[in-house]
Amino acid sequence: MQDKFIKKHHTLEYEDVHLKNVKLGITTREDGFSPFPQNAFNMARYINDNQQSITEHQEILAATIEFPREQWVFPIQTHENKVVEVTEQDRGSNIDSLTDRLHGVDGLYTYDDNILLTMCYADCVPIYFYSEKYHFIGLAHAGWRGTVGQIVNEMVSRIDFELSDLNVVIGPATSISYEINDDIKSKFEALPIDINQYTQTRGVDRHGIDLKLANALLLEYAGVPKNNIYITSYATSEDLSLFFSYRVEKGNTGRMLAFIGQ
């Protein structure tokens, strides 16, 4: 079965016959101007990169997806579970330069038009939410901390329409090759989902974990119908020709930009 994330120049874009007005995708690492390690399409201003290169990458993406930079919103992510609503008044936040605005935020949602929600990733899970019927879009950033903090449930708790009208897309992230120790595993054991469905014990103090599946299970537990949740097969840690991987590249890498707009 073909993945619904379709490779385009500088992006993977989600395509579904039922999706009419929402634009959803993530950038790839190819054909940019950043030295991570070379010719990388880095989208993060918060790493040691030439700021003009990032602006140029933004301009390329804006032209590619036909969404001007002035309408983008970017939070300052801190691997927590805070979710906030943004409006047209927040457009442009942290796009030209980083500020204190939207600091400590790992989940955004809006009902407004002409807004592109954006966040950076390099192994953590991008989770996109939308309802065209209710004119709703959202985006969450879920590493292991955000998953344990149930950021998807924080997002779902903000929704005031029937969850049967909500669609969720779980985008490219690390695969089950990602490993955690006993201490972190104990935090996942406290979640209201079956840990055996998304972890594999590989040795002493070593457990593989599928964060994409863990978040899908949390969404189901929160009441989102399973058929409304799509999980991509793309994995950041398995394809360094397309993606940055913080874990594989030991932190010396750029970041992709996930985006969803209407």
C-alpha atoms as a PDB file:
ATOM      1  CA  MET A   1       0.000   0.000   0.000  1.00  0.00           C
ATOM      2  CA  GLN A   2       1.449   3.366  -1.023  1.00  0.00           C
ATOM      3  CA  ASP A   3       2.265   5.789   1.769  1.00  0.00           C
ATOM      4  CA  LYS A   4       0.052   8.877   1.818  1.00  0.00           C
ATOM      5  CA  PHE A   5       3.112  11.095   2.315  1.00  0.00           C
ATOM      6  CA  ILE A   6       4.178  11.795  -1.262  1.00  0.00           C
ATOM      7  CA  LYS A   7       7.750  12.868  -2.030  1.00  0.00           C
ATOM      8  CA  LYS A   8       8.041  16.275  -3.664  1.00  0.00           C
ATOM      9  CA  HIS A   9      10.894  18.754  -3.993  1.00  0.00           C
ATOM     10  CA  HIS A  10      12.026  19.647  -0.434  1.00  0.00           C
ATOM     11  CA  THR A  11       8.910  18.094   1.118  1.00  0.00           C
ATOM     12  CA  LEU A  12       6.837  15.047   1.845  1.00  0.00           C
ATOM     13  CA  GLU A  13       3.204  16.133   1.506  1.00  0.00           C
ATOM     14  CA  TYR A  14       0.220  14.200   2.779  1.00  0.00           C
ATOM     15  CA  GLU A  15      -2.333  13.421   0.114  1.00  0.00           C
ATOM     16  CA  ASP A  16      -5.750  11.910   0.737  1.00  0.00           C
ATOM     17  CA  VAL A  17      -8.845  11.921  -1.456  1.00  0.00           C
ATOM     18  CA  HIS A  18     -10.895  13.310   1.442  1.00  0.00           C
ATOM     19  CA  LEU A  19      -8.513  16.210   2.114  1.00  0.00           C
ATOM     20  CA  LYS A  20      -9.714  19.332   0.299  1.00  0.00           C
ATOM     21  CA  ASN A  21      -8.579  22.556   1.967  1.00  0.00           C
ATOM     22  CA  VAL A  22      -5.830  21.573   4.397  1.00  0.00           C
ATOM     23  CA  LYS A  23      -2.151  21.544   3.422  1.00  0.00           C
ATOM     24  CA  LEU A  24      -0.071  19.106   5.479  1.00  0.00           C
ATOM     25  CA  GLY A  25       3.522  17.880   5.237  1.00  0.00           C
ATOM     26  CA  ILE A  26       7.133  17.970   6.381  1.00  0.00           C
ATOM     27  CA  THR A  27      10.363  19.147   4.800  1.00  0.00           C
ATOM     28  CA  THR A  28      13.206  16.825   3.839  1.00  0.00           C
ATOM     29  CA  ARG A  29      16.928  17.447   4.326  1.00  0.00           C
ATOM     30  CA  GLU A  30      17.933  17.587   0.657  1.00  0.00           C
ATOM     31  CA  ASP A  31      19.297  20.406  -1.505  1.00  0.00           C
ATOM     32  CA  GLY A  32      19.745  23.170   1.039  1.00  0.00           C
ATOM     33  CA  PHE A  33      22.465  25.597   2.115  1.00  0.00           C
ATOM     34  CA  SER A  34      23.281  24.375   5.643  1.00  0.00           C
ATOM     35  CA  PRO A  35      26.392  22.394   6.711  1.00  0.00           C
ATOM     36  CA  PHE A  36      24.565  19.526   8.480  1.00  0.00           C
ATOM     37  CA  PRO A  37      26.633  17.783   7.208  1.00  0.00           C
ATOM     38  CA  GLN A  38      26.481  19.515   3.830  1.00  0.00           C
ATOM     39  CA  ASN A  39      23.870  21.018   1.496  1.00  0.00           C
ATOM     40  CA  ALA A  40      21.208  20.404   4.135  1.00  0.00           C
ATOM     41  CA  PHE A  41      17.743  21.977   4.172  1.00  0.00           C
ATOM     42  CA  ASN A  42      17.795  22.899   7.862  1.00  0.00           C
ATOM     43  CA  MET A  43      14.714  24.762   9.105  1.00  0.00           C
ATOM     44  CA  ALA A  44      15.690  25.467  12.751  1.00  0.00           C
ATOM     45  CA  ARG A  45      16.934  28.904  13.818  1.00  0.00           C
ATOM     46  CA  TYR A  46      17.906  27.611  17.266  1.00  0.00           C
ATOM     47  CA  ILE A  47      20.944  25.604  16.135  1.00  0.00           C
ATOM     48  CA  ASN A  48      24.311  27.005  15.057  1.00  0.00           C
ATOM     49  CA  ASP A  49      23.493  27.786  11.449  1.00  0.00           C
ATOM     50  CA  ASN A  50      23.600  30.801   9.166  1.00  0.00           C
ATOM     51  CA  GLN A  51      20.332  32.625   9.761  1.00  0.00           C
ATOM     52  CA  GLN A  52      20.133  33.825   6.176  1.00  0.00           C
ATOM     53  CA  SER A  53      20.296  30.223   4.965  1.00  0.00           C
ATOM     54  CA  ILE A  54      17.274  29.390   7.108  1.00  0.00           C
ATOM     55  CA  THR A  55      15.403  32.385   5.728  1.00  0.00           C
ATOM     56  CA  GLU A  56      16.199  31.203   2.204  1.00  0.00           C
ATOM     57  CA  HIS A  57      14.932  27.731   3.079  1.00  0.00           C
ATOM     58  CA  GLN A  58      11.732  29.287   4.430  1.00  0.00           C
ATOM     59  CA  GLU A  59      11.278  31.252   1.233  1.00  0.00           C
ATOM     60  CA  ILE A  60      11.767  28.121  -0.875  1.00  0.00           C
ATOM     61  CA  LEU A  61       9.219  26.227   1.197  1.00  0.00           C
ATOM     62  CA  ALA A  62       6.751  29.139   1.103  1.00  0.00           C
ATOM     63  CA  ALA A  63       6.891  29.154  -2.693  1.00  0.00           C
ATOM     64  CA  THR A  64       6.669  25.350  -2.879  1.00  0.00           C
ATOM     65  CA  ILE A  65       3.550  25.026  -0.743  1.00  0.00           C
ATOM     66  CA  GLU A  66       2.115  28.451  -1.690  1.00  0.00           C
ATOM     67  CA  PHE A  67       1.896  29.669   1.900  1.00  0.00           C
ATOM     68  CA  PRO A  68       3.678  33.012   2.568  1.00  0.00           C
ATOM     69  CA  ARG A  69       6.075  33.167   5.521  1.00  0.00           C
ATOM     70  CA  GLU A  70       4.085  36.038   7.022  1.00  0.00           C
ATOM     71  CA  GLN A  71       1.279  33.575   7.781  1.00  0.00           C
ATOM     72  CA  TRP A  72       3.431  31.000   9.577  1.00  0.00           C
ATOM     73  CA  VAL A  73       3.436  30.435  13.341  1.00  0.00           C
ATOM     74  CA  PHE A  74       6.320  28.736  15.160  1.00  0.00           C
ATOM     75  CA  PRO A  75       6.493  28.038  18.925  1.00  0.00           C
ATOM     76  CA  ILE A  76       9.580  27.609  21.116  1.00  0.00           C
ATOM     77  CA  GLN A  77       9.400  23.879  21.821  1.00  0.00           C
ATOM     78  CA  THR A  78      10.635  22.440  25.137  1.00  0.00           C
ATOM     79  CA  HIS A  79       9.642  18.741  24.955  1.00  0.00           C
ATOM     80  CA  GLU A  80       6.682  19.223  27.293  1.00  0.00           C
ATOM     81  CA  ASN A  81       2.912  18.937  26.821  1.00  0.00           C
ATOM     82  CA  LYS A  82       1.624  22.513  26.746  1.00  0.00           C
ATOM     83  CA  VAL A  83      -0.978  23.162  24.043  1.00  0.00           C
ATOM     84  CA  VAL A  84      -2.247  26.630  23.067  1.00  0.00           C
ATOM     85  CA  GLU A  85      -4.732  28.076  20.617  1.00  0.00           C
ATOM     86  CA  VAL A  86      -3.348  30.595  18.141  1.00  0.00           C
ATOM     87  CA  THR A  87      -5.179  33.083  15.939  1.00  0.00           C
ATOM     88  CA  GLU A  88      -4.380  35.329  13.008  1.00  0.00           C
ATOM     89  CA  GLN A  89      -2.809  37.737  15.554  1.00  0.00           C
ATOM     90  CA  ASP A  90       0.003  35.196  16.080  1.00  0.00           C
ATOM     91  CA  ARG A  91       1.015  34.973  12.426  1.00  0.00           C
ATOM     92  CA  GLY A  92       4.736  35.603  11.928  1.00  0.00           C
ATOM     93  CA  SER A  93       5.689  34.456  15.446  1.00  0.00           C
ATOM     94  CA  ASN A  94       9.355  33.323  15.559  1.00  0.00           C
ATOM     95  CA  ILE A  95       9.670  33.171  11.776  1.00  0.00           C
ATOM     96  CA  ASP A  96      12.165  35.962  11.050  1.00  0.00           C
ATOM     97  CA  SER A  97      13.862  35.570  14.446  1.00  0.00           C
ATOM     98  CA  LEU A  98      13.257  33.773  17.733  1.00  0.00           C
ATOM     99  CA  THR A  99      11.471  35.624  20.535  1.00  0.00           C
ATOM    100  CA  ASP A 100       9.871  34.808  23.900  1.00  0.00           C
ATOM    101  CA  ARG A 101       6.493  34.477  22.221  1.00  0.00           C
ATOM    102  CA  LEU A 102       4.880  31.015  22.453  1.00  0.00           C
ATOM    103  CA  HIS A 103       7.738  29.755  24.634  1.00  0.00           C
ATOM    104  CA  GLY A 104       7.375  26.301  26.164  1.00  0.00           C
ATOM    105  CA  VAL A 105       4.696  25.245  23.690  1.00  0.00           C
ATOM    106  CA  ASP A 106       4.679  21.844  21.970  1.00  0.00           C
ATOM    107  CA  GLY A 107       1.126  21.866  20.639  1.00  0.00           C
ATOM    108  CA  LEU A 108      -0.739  24.448  18.544  1.00  0.00           C
ATOM    109  CA  TYR A 109      -4.256  24.592  17.163  1.00  0.00           C
ATOM    110  CA  THR A 110      -6.462  27.133  15.398  1.00  0.00           C
ATOM    111  CA  TYR A 111      -9.835  27.641  13.771  1.00  0.00           C
ATOM    112  CA  ASP A 112      -8.616  30.655  11.763  1.00  0.00           C
ATOM    113  CA  ASP A 113      -7.882  30.839   8.035  1.00  0.00           C
ATOM    114  CA  ASN A 114      -4.566  31.652   6.400  1.00  0.00           C
ATOM    115  CA  ILE A 115      -2.391  30.247   9.184  1.00  0.00           C
ATOM    116  CA  LEU A 116       0.385  27.683   8.782  1.00  0.00           C
ATOM    117  CA  LEU A 117       1.257  25.923  12.039  1.00  0.00           C
ATOM    118  CA  THR A 118       4.912  24.842  12.055  1.00  0.00           C
ATOM    119  CA  MET A 119       7.347  22.976  14.346  1.00  0.00           C
ATOM    120  CA  CYS A 120      10.821  21.460  14.023  1.00  0.00           C
ATOM    121  CA  TYR A 121      11.676  17.755  14.291  1.00  0.00           C
ATOM    122  CA  ALA A 122      14.599  15.344  14.010  1.00  0.00           C
ATOM    123  CA  ASP A 123      13.234  12.021  15.405  1.00  0.00           C
ATOM    124  CA  CYS A 124      10.335  13.183  17.595  1.00  0.00           C
ATOM    125  CA  VAL A 125       6.842  12.505  16.296  1.00  0.00           C
ATOM    126  CA  PRO A 126       4.934  15.166  14.327  1.00  0.00           C
ATOM    127  CA  ILE A 127       1.219  14.682  14.928  1.00  0.00           C
ATOM    128  CA  TYR A 128      -1.219  16.574  12.724  1.00  0.00           C
ATOM    129  CA  PHE A 129      -4.889  17.108  13.587  1.00  0.00           C
ATOM    130  CA  TYR A 130      -7.618  18.387  11.308  1.00  0.00           C
ATOM    131  CA  SER A 131     -11.348  18.601  10.771  1.00  0.00           C
ATOM    132  CA  GLU A 132     -12.396  20.282   7.572  1.00  0.00           C
ATOM    133  CA  LYS A 133     -16.016  20.164   8.733  1.00  0.00           C
ATOM    134  CA  TYR A 134     -15.186  22.274  11.798  1.00  0.00           C
ATOM    135  CA  HIS A 135     -12.353  24.279  10.247  1.00  0.00           C
ATOM    136  CA  PHE A 136      -9.853  22.982  12.816  1.00  0.00           C
ATOM    137  CA  ILE A 137      -6.134  22.246  12.480  1.00  0.00           C
ATOM    138  CA  GLY A 138      -3.536  21.325  15.081  1.00  0.00           C
ATOM    139  CA  LEU A 139       0.074  20.205  15.341  1.00  0.00           C
ATOM    140  CA  ALA A 140       1.887  18.472  18.207  1.00  0.00           C
ATOM    141  CA  HIS A 141       5.521  17.586  18.927  1.00  0.00           C
ATOM    142  CA  ALA A 142       5.889  14.272  20.786  1.00  0.00           C
ATOM    143  CA  GLY A 143       9.254  12.899  21.812  1.00  0.00           C
ATOM    144  CA  TRP A 144       9.329  10.403  24.660  1.00  0.00           C
ATOM    145  CA  ARG A 145       8.601  13.161  27.192  1.00  0.00           C
ATOM    146  CA  GLY A 146       5.684  14.546  25.203  1.00  0.00           C
ATOM    147  CA  THR A 147       4.317  11.041  24.726  1.00  0.00           C
ATOM    148  CA  VAL A 148       4.560  10.252  28.442  1.00  0.00           C
ATOM    149  CA  GLY A 149       2.951  13.645  29.072  1.00  0.00           C
ATOM    150  CA  GLN A 150       0.105  12.600  26.736  1.00  0.00           C
ATOM    151  CA  ILE A 151       0.290  15.740  24.614  1.00  0.00           C
ATOM    152  CA  VAL A 152      -2.151  14.135  22.169  1.00  0.00           C
ATOM    153  CA  ASN A 153      -4.720  13.936  24.970  1.00  0.00           C
ATOM    154  CA  GLU A 154      -4.049  17.590  25.803  1.00  0.00           C
ATOM    155  CA  MET A 155      -4.872  18.426  22.197  1.00  0.00           C
ATOM    156  CA  VAL A 156      -7.988  16.248  22.112  1.00  0.00           C
ATOM    157  CA  SER A 157      -9.224  17.823  25.350  1.00  0.00           C
ATOM    158  CA  ARG A 158      -9.368  21.206  23.573  1.00  0.00           C
ATOM    159  CA  ILE A 159     -11.718  19.938  20.877  1.00  0.00           C
ATOM    160  CA  ASP A 160     -15.383  20.860  21.218  1.00  0.00           C
ATOM    161  CA  PHE A 161     -16.804  18.721  18.406  1.00  0.00           C
ATOM    162  CA  GLU A 162     -17.375  14.988  18.008  1.00  0.00           C
ATOM    163  CA  LEU A 163     -14.113  13.069  17.701  1.00  0.00           C
ATOM    164  CA  SER A 164     -15.620  11.094  14.836  1.00  0.00           C
ATOM    165  CA  ASP A 165     -15.078  14.307  12.828  1.00  0.00           C
ATOM    166  CA  LEU A 166     -11.391  14.563  13.790  1.00  0.00           C
ATOM    167  CA  ASN A 167      -8.613  13.144  11.614  1.00  0.00           C
ATOM    168  CA  VAL A 168      -5.081  12.576  12.876  1.00  0.00           C
ATOM    169  CA  VAL A 169      -1.921  11.985  10.845  1.00  0.00           C
ATOM    170  CA  ILE A 170       1.216  10.651  12.530  1.00  0.00           C
ATOM    171  CA  GLY A 171       4.208  11.723  10.465  1.00  0.00           C
ATOM    172  CA  PRO A 172       7.836  10.651   9.956  1.00  0.00           C
ATOM    173  CA  ALA A 173       9.683   9.937  13.209  1.00  0.00           C
ATOM    174  CA  THR A 174      12.197   7.500  14.623  1.00  0.00           C
ATOM    175  CA  SER A 175      11.396   3.791  14.296  1.00  0.00           C
ATOM    176  CA  ILE A 176      11.319   1.104  16.949  1.00  0.00           C
ATOM    177  CA  SER A 177      15.118   1.084  16.654  1.00  0.00           C
ATOM    178  CA  TYR A 178      14.916   3.963  19.176  1.00  0.00           C
ATOM    179  CA  GLU A 179      15.818   2.608  22.618  1.00  0.00           C
ATOM    180  CA  ILE A 180      14.968   3.632  26.178  1.00  0.00           C
ATOM    181  CA  ASN A 181      16.207   2.401  29.561  1.00  0.00           C
ATOM    182  CA  ASP A 182      14.325   0.824  32.466  1.00  0.00           C
ATOM    183  CA  ASP A 183      13.711   4.165  34.172  1.00  0.00           C
ATOM    184  CA  ILE A 184      12.036   5.703  31.122  1.00  0.00           C
ATOM    185  CA  LYS A 185      10.156   2.470  30.426  1.00  0.00           C
ATOM    186  CA  SER A 186       8.629   2.672  33.904  1.00  0.00           C
ATOM    187  CA  LYS A 187       7.149   6.056  32.975  1.00  0.00           C
ATOM    188  CA  PHE A 188       5.455   4.507  29.946  1.00  0.00           C
ATOM    189  CA  GLU A 189       4.127   1.661  32.064  1.00  0.00           C
ATOM    190  CA  ALA A 190       2.047   4.245  33.941  1.00  0.00           C
ATOM    191  CA  LEU A 191       0.148   5.178  30.760  1.00  0.00           C
ATOM    192  CA  PRO A 192      -3.361   3.787  30.186  1.00  0.00           C
ATOM    193  CA  ILE A 193      -2.297   1.721  27.150  1.00  0.00           C
ATOM    194  CA  ASP A 194      -0.687  -1.712  26.770  1.00  0.00           C
ATOM    195  CA  ILE A 195       3.087  -1.172  26.775  1.00  0.00           C
ATOM    196  CA  ASN A 196       3.655  -4.592  25.197  1.00  0.00           C
ATOM    197  CA  GLN A 197       2.064  -3.356  21.974  1.00  0.00           C
ATOM    198  CA  TYR A 198       4.735  -0.738  21.286  1.00  0.00           C
ATOM    199  CA  THR A 199       7.939  -1.839  23.076  1.00  0.00           C
ATOM    200  CA  GLN A 200      10.460  -4.672  22.666  1.00  0.00           C
ATOM    201  CA  THR A 201      12.907  -5.647  25.396  1.00  0.00           C
ATOM    202  CA  ARG A 202      16.326  -6.286  23.825  1.00  0.00           C
ATOM    203  CA  GLY A 203      18.582  -6.775  26.803  1.00  0.00           C
ATOM    204  CA  VAL A 204      19.450  -5.481  30.213  1.00  0.00           C
ATOM    205  CA  ASP A 205      18.172  -1.906  30.542  1.00  0.00           C
ATOM    206  CA  ARG A 206      17.431  -1.778  26.770  1.00  0.00           C
ATOM    207  CA  HIS A 207      13.970  -1.480  25.242  1.00  0.00           C
ATOM    208  CA  GLY A 208      13.008  -0.540  21.715  1.00  0.00           C
ATOM    209  CA  ILE A 209       9.993   1.761  21.578  1.00  0.00           C
ATOM    210  CA  ASP A 210       7.664   2.746  18.748  1.00  0.00           C
ATOM    211  CA  LEU A 211       6.615   6.291  19.629  1.00  0.00           C
ATOM    212  CA  LYS A 212       4.384   6.590  16.585  1.00  0.00           C
ATOM    213  CA  LEU A 213       2.315   3.599  17.680  1.00  0.00           C
ATOM    214  CA  ALA A 214       2.297   4.715  21.326  1.00  0.00           C
ATOM    215  CA  ASN A 215       0.717   8.021  20.323  1.00  0.00           C
ATOM    216  CA  ALA A 216      -1.804   6.269  18.088  1.00  0.00           C
ATOM    217  CA  LEU A 217      -2.845   4.060  21.011  1.00  0.00           C
ATOM    218  CA  LEU A 218      -3.172   7.107  23.269  1.00  0.00           C
ATOM    219  CA  LEU A 219      -5.381   8.775  20.676  1.00  0.00           C
ATOM    220  CA  GLU A 220      -7.607   5.705  20.516  1.00  0.00           C
ATOM    221  CA  TYR A 221      -7.811   5.656  24.305  1.00  0.00           C
ATOM    222  CA  ALA A 222      -8.866   9.321  24.206  1.00  0.00           C
ATOM    223  CA  GLY A 223     -11.735   8.439  21.895  1.00  0.00           C
ATOM    224  CA  VAL A 224     -10.419   9.095  18.376  1.00  0.00           C
ATOM    225  CA  PRO A 225     -11.681   6.313  16.069  1.00  0.00           C
ATOM    226  CA  LYS A 226      -8.874   4.026  14.902  1.00  0.00           C
ATOM    227  CA  ASN A 227      -9.937   4.487  11.279  1.00  0.00           C
ATOM    228  CA  ASN A 228      -9.384   8.249  11.658  1.00  0.00           C
ATOM    229  CA  ILE A 229      -5.698   7.807  12.568  1.00  0.00           C
ATOM    230  CA  TYR A 230      -3.081   7.436   9.833  1.00  0.00           C
ATOM    231  CA  ILE A 231       0.514   6.391  10.597  1.00  0.00           C
ATOM    232  CA  THR A 232       3.179   6.900   7.945  1.00  0.00           C
ATOM    233  CA  SER A 233       5.752   4.193   7.314  1.00  0.00           C
ATOM    234  CA  TYR A 234       8.527   6.790   6.896  1.00  0.00           C
ATOM    235  CA  ALA A 235      11.123   6.653   9.688  1.00  0.00           C
ATOM    236  CA  THR A 236      13.703   9.386  10.294  1.00  0.00           C
ATOM    237  CA  SER A 237      16.295   7.061  11.813  1.00  0.00           C
ATOM    238  CA  GLU A 238      16.117   4.674   8.856  1.00  0.00           C
ATOM    239  CA  ASP A 239      16.602   7.079   5.933  1.00  0.00           C
ATOM    240  CA  LEU A 240      19.281   9.743   6.372  1.00  0.00           C
ATOM    241  CA  SER A 241      19.023  10.627   2.681  1.00  0.00           C
ATOM    242  CA  LEU A 242      15.621  12.212   3.417  1.00  0.00           C
ATOM    243  CA  PHE A 243      15.597  13.020   7.111  1.00  0.00           C
ATOM    244  CA  PHE A 244      17.659  14.432   9.949  1.00  0.00           C
ATOM    245  CA  SER A 245      18.000  12.056  12.910  1.00  0.00           C
ATOM    246  CA  TYR A 246      19.137  13.549  16.210  1.00  0.00           C
ATOM    247  CA  ARG A 247      19.815  10.120  17.705  1.00  0.00           C
ATOM    248  CA  VAL A 248      21.696   8.592  14.759  1.00  0.00           C
ATOM    249  CA  GLU A 249      23.700  11.768  14.044  1.00  0.00           C
ATOM    250  CA  LYS A 250      24.429  12.317  17.748  1.00  0.00           C
ATOM    251  CA  GLY A 251      22.902  15.785  17.810  1.00  0.00           C
ATOM    252  CA  ASN A 252      25.053  17.228  15.014  1.00  0.00           C
ATOM    253  CA  THR A 253      22.232  17.673  12.575  1.00  0.00           C
ATOM    254  CA  GLY A 254      19.573  20.025  11.266  1.00  0.00           C
ATOM    255  CA  ARG A 255      15.808  19.894  11.723  1.00  0.00           C
ATOM    256  CA  MET A 256      12.851  19.283   9.437  1.00  0.00           C
ATOM    257  CA  LEU A 257       9.802  21.548   9.576  1.00  0.00           C
ATOM    258  CA  ALA A 258       6.384  19.959   9.902  1.00  0.00           C
ATOM    259  CA  PHE A 259       3.525  22.150   8.742  1.00  0.00           C
ATOM    260  CA  ILE A 260      -0.242  22.193   8.536  1.00  0.00           C
ATOM    261  CA  GLY A 261      -2.295  25.097   7.220  1.00  0.00           C
ATOM    262  CA  GLN A 262      -5.699  26.121   5.970  1.00  0.00           C
END
